[in-house]
Amino acid sequence: MLEITRSFGANQYLFKCFLSIRDPRVGGRVIHPLINVITITLCALISGCDTWKSIEMFAHERRR
């Protein structure tokens, strides 16, 4: 899934900036790629979410 995310954002400047961020999380404990977490958080903030709980609710409401 990470390769799909990387290829999708390869031609977009904002995604290139985020893809250069080093992910400090432990590999075996990670469920979602960091770029997805950043993107969801930014979308939630733009939509007016102002707490971590509201960002979490935003993500769950828009889950596929």
Foldseek 3Di string as FASTA:
>chain_A
DVVVVCVVCVPPPVLVVVVPDDDPDDPVVDDDDPSVVVVLQVVQVVVPDDDPVSSVVSCVVPDD
